Amino acid sequence: MFWLIHGIHLLAAATVVGGTLVLRFFVLPKLSDDEKGREFLKAILSRWRPVVWGNIVLITVTGLANAHQSYLAVGNNFRYWTLFLVKFFAAMTMFGIALMMTLPMEGLSKVQENRKRWLRHIVELGTIIIFISAYLRYMHAALPGG
């Protein structure tokens, strides 16, 4: 059963990071700055919003299940849990940026006007999280009980 939870976690993370990468580096550079481009971007973001929010929920729930499973396997290994906390806080930062980018609120317009910068930060954080996750998985397997 754990493989299913882990698979959902990985799929949700790949969807959010991969979709943001495509949006930032392939879609946004091709959009014009005129009214038509802004309307097209608005339509894209209105469809992307529920995907992002739903996957944040999936990542959070399955991440907690993964953490529980890891604790059962690796115990109180200080290095493992330190890296896990770095990953956790990077993910929470990434989620915060994603929510600020997708919430249709006037107060967030300054953040949303600088979309390229913030989407790039989501991709950067996502990449860091993926590499930390790979290392944690390696540590998990190498530790006694892993």
Protein backbone atom coordinates (compact mmCIF):
# COMPACT_ATOMS: atom_id res chain seq x y z
CA MET A 1 0.00 0.00 0.00
CA PHE A 2 2.89 2.36 0.74
CA TRP A 3 4.06 2.17 -2.88
CA LEU A 4 0.69 3.60 -3.97
CA ILE A 5 0.90 6.54 -1.55
CA HIS A 6 4.49 7.21 -2.59
CA GLY A 7 3.55 7.00 -6.27
CA ILE A 8 0.71 9.52 -5.79
CA HIS A 9 3.13 11.81 -3.95
CA LEU A 10 5.66 11.65 -6.78
CA LEU A 11 3.03 12.13 -9.48
CA ALA A 12 1.56 15.19 -7.72
CA ALA A 13 5.02 16.72 -7.26
CA ALA A 14 5.97 16.08 -10.88
CA THR A 15 2.70 17.62 -12.05
CA VAL A 16 3.18 20.82 -10.05
CA VAL A 17 6.87 21.30 -10.79
CA GLY A 18 6.66 20.13 -14.41
CA GLY A 19 3.56 22.18 -15.15
CA THR A 20 5.13 25.28 -13.62
CA LEU A 21 8.32 24.71 -15.63
CA VAL A 22 6.31 24.51 -18.86
CA LEU A 23 4.28 27.59 -17.93
CA ARG A 24 7.35 29.63 -17.02
CA PHE A 25 9.79 28.69 -19.76
CA PHE A 26 7.55 27.76 -22.70
CA VAL A 27 4.16 29.45 -22.36
CA LEU A 28 4.88 32.83 -20.76
CA PRO A 29 7.67 33.81 -23.18
CA LYS A 30 5.30 33.27 -26.12
CA LEU A 31 2.45 35.38 -24.74
CA SER A 32 2.12 38.94 -25.94
CA ASP A 33 1.72 41.85 -23.52
CA ASP A 34 -1.51 43.03 -25.12
CA GLU A 35 -5.08 42.43 -23.93
CA LYS A 36 -5.34 39.15 -25.86
CA GLY A 37 -2.19 37.78 -24.16
CA ARG A 38 -3.44 38.79 -20.71
CA GLU A 39 -6.82 37.14 -21.33
CA PHE A 40 -5.12 33.97 -22.56
CA LEU A 41 -2.91 33.90 -19.45
CA LYS A 42 -5.95 34.47 -17.24
CA ALA A 43 -7.69 31.50 -18.89
CA ILE A 44 -4.62 29.30 -18.42
CA LEU A 45 -4.30 30.26 -14.75
CA SER A 46 -7.98 29.67 -14.06
CA ARG A 47 -7.54 26.09 -15.28
CA TRP A 48 -4.16 25.66 -13.56
CA ARG A 49 -5.39 26.90 -10.15
CA PRO A 50 -7.43 23.79 -9.17
CA VAL A 51 -4.61 21.54 -10.40
CA VAL A 52 -2.09 23.33 -8.19
CA TRP A 53 -4.34 23.47 -5.14
CA GLY A 54 -5.43 19.85 -5.46
CA ASN A 55 -1.87 18.66 -5.86
CA ILE A 56 -0.71 20.71 -2.86
CA VAL A 57 -3.29 18.86 -0.78
CA LEU A 58 -2.17 15.50 -2.23
CA ILE A 59 1.51 16.29 -1.66
CA THR A 60 0.84 17.34 1.94
CA VAL A 61 -1.27 14.30 2.86
CA THR A 62 0.94 11.76 1.10
CA GLY A 63 4.06 13.52 2.41
CA LEU A 64 2.84 13.04 5.98
CA ALA A 65 2.24 9.36 5.25
CA ASN A 66 5.74 9.13 3.73
CA ALA A 67 7.23 10.78 6.83
CA HIS A 68 5.47 8.30 9.09
CA GLN A 69 6.72 5.38 7.00
CA SER A 70 10.24 6.82 7.03
CA TYR A 71 10.18 7.24 10.79
CA LEU A 72 9.25 3.59 11.17
CA ALA A 73 12.19 2.65 8.94
CA VAL A 74 14.99 5.05 9.95
CA GLY A 75 14.04 6.11 13.47
CA ASN A 76 15.69 9.21 14.92
CA ASN A 77 18.56 9.59 12.43
CA PHE A 78 19.55 13.25 12.89
CA ARG A 79 20.96 13.81 9.38
CA TYR A 80 17.93 12.24 7.72
CA TRP A 81 15.44 14.38 9.64
CA THR A 82 17.50 17.56 9.21
CA LEU A 83 17.40 17.09 5.45
CA PHE A 84 13.73 16.20 5.69
CA LEU A 85 13.04 19.50 7.49
CA VAL A 86 14.93 21.42 4.80
CA LYS A 87 12.79 19.66 2.21
CA PHE A 88 9.62 20.35 4.21
CA PHE A 89 10.32 24.08 4.60
CA ALA A 90 11.30 24.38 0.92
CA ALA A 91 7.99 22.71 0.03
CA MET A 92 6.00 25.03 2.31
CA THR A 93 7.74 28.04 0.72
CA MET A 94 6.99 26.66 -2.74
CA PHE A 95 3.34 26.10 -1.78
CA GLY A 96 3.10 29.64 -0.43
CA ILE A 97 4.45 31.11 -3.66
CA ALA A 98 2.13 28.90 -5.72
CA LEU A 99 -0.89 30.01 -3.70
CA MET A 100 0.10 33.68 -4.00
CA MET A 101 0.44 33.24 -7.75
CA THR A 102 -2.94 31.58 -8.16
CA LEU A 103 -5.19 33.29 -5.60
CA PRO A 104 -7.45 35.77 -7.40
CA MET A 105 -6.92 38.56 -4.85
CA GLU A 106 -6.25 42.22 -5.56
CA GLY A 107 -3.75 42.40 -2.68
CA LEU A 108 -1.49 39.91 -4.45
CA SER A 109 -1.35 41.84 -7.72
CA LYS A 110 2.24 43.07 -7.06
CA VAL A 111 3.44 39.49 -6.68
CA GLN A 112 1.43 38.30 -9.68
CA GLU A 113 2.77 41.09 -11.91
CA ASN A 114 6.23 39.58 -11.50
CA ARG A 115 5.08 36.10 -12.56
CA LYS A 116 8.24 35.05 -14.35
CA ARG A 117 10.41 35.61 -11.29
CA TRP A 118 8.12 33.77 -8.88
CA LEU A 119 7.45 30.88 -11.25
CA ARG A 120 11.22 30.53 -11.68
CA HIS A 121 11.54 30.31 -7.88
CA ILE A 122 8.91 27.56 -7.80
CA VAL A 123 10.92 25.59 -10.37
CA GLU A 124 14.16 26.18 -8.42
CA LEU A 125 12.62 25.09 -5.12
CA GLY A 126 10.97 22.10 -6.80
CA THR A 127 14.32 21.03 -8.24
CA ILE A 128 16.00 21.30 -4.84
CA ILE A 129 13.18 19.32 -3.24
CA ILE A 130 13.45 16.58 -5.87
CA PHE A 131 17.20 16.20 -5.30
CA ILE A 132 16.81 16.19 -1.51
CA SER A 133 14.06 13.56 -1.93
CA ALA A 134 16.32 11.40 -4.06
CA TYR A 135 19.07 11.63 -1.46
CA LEU A 136 16.64 10.86 1.37
CA ARG A 137 15.40 7.82 -0.54
CA TYR A 138 19.03 6.71 -0.94
CA MET A 139 19.67 7.28 2.79
CA HIS A 140 16.43 5.46 3.63
CA ALA A 141 17.62 2.38 1.75
CA ALA A 142 21.18 2.56 3.15
CA LEU A 143 20.19 2.93 6.81
CA PRO A 144 19.56 -0.09 9.02
CA GLY A 145 15.90 -0.98 8.74
CA GLY A 146 15.57 0.99 5.47
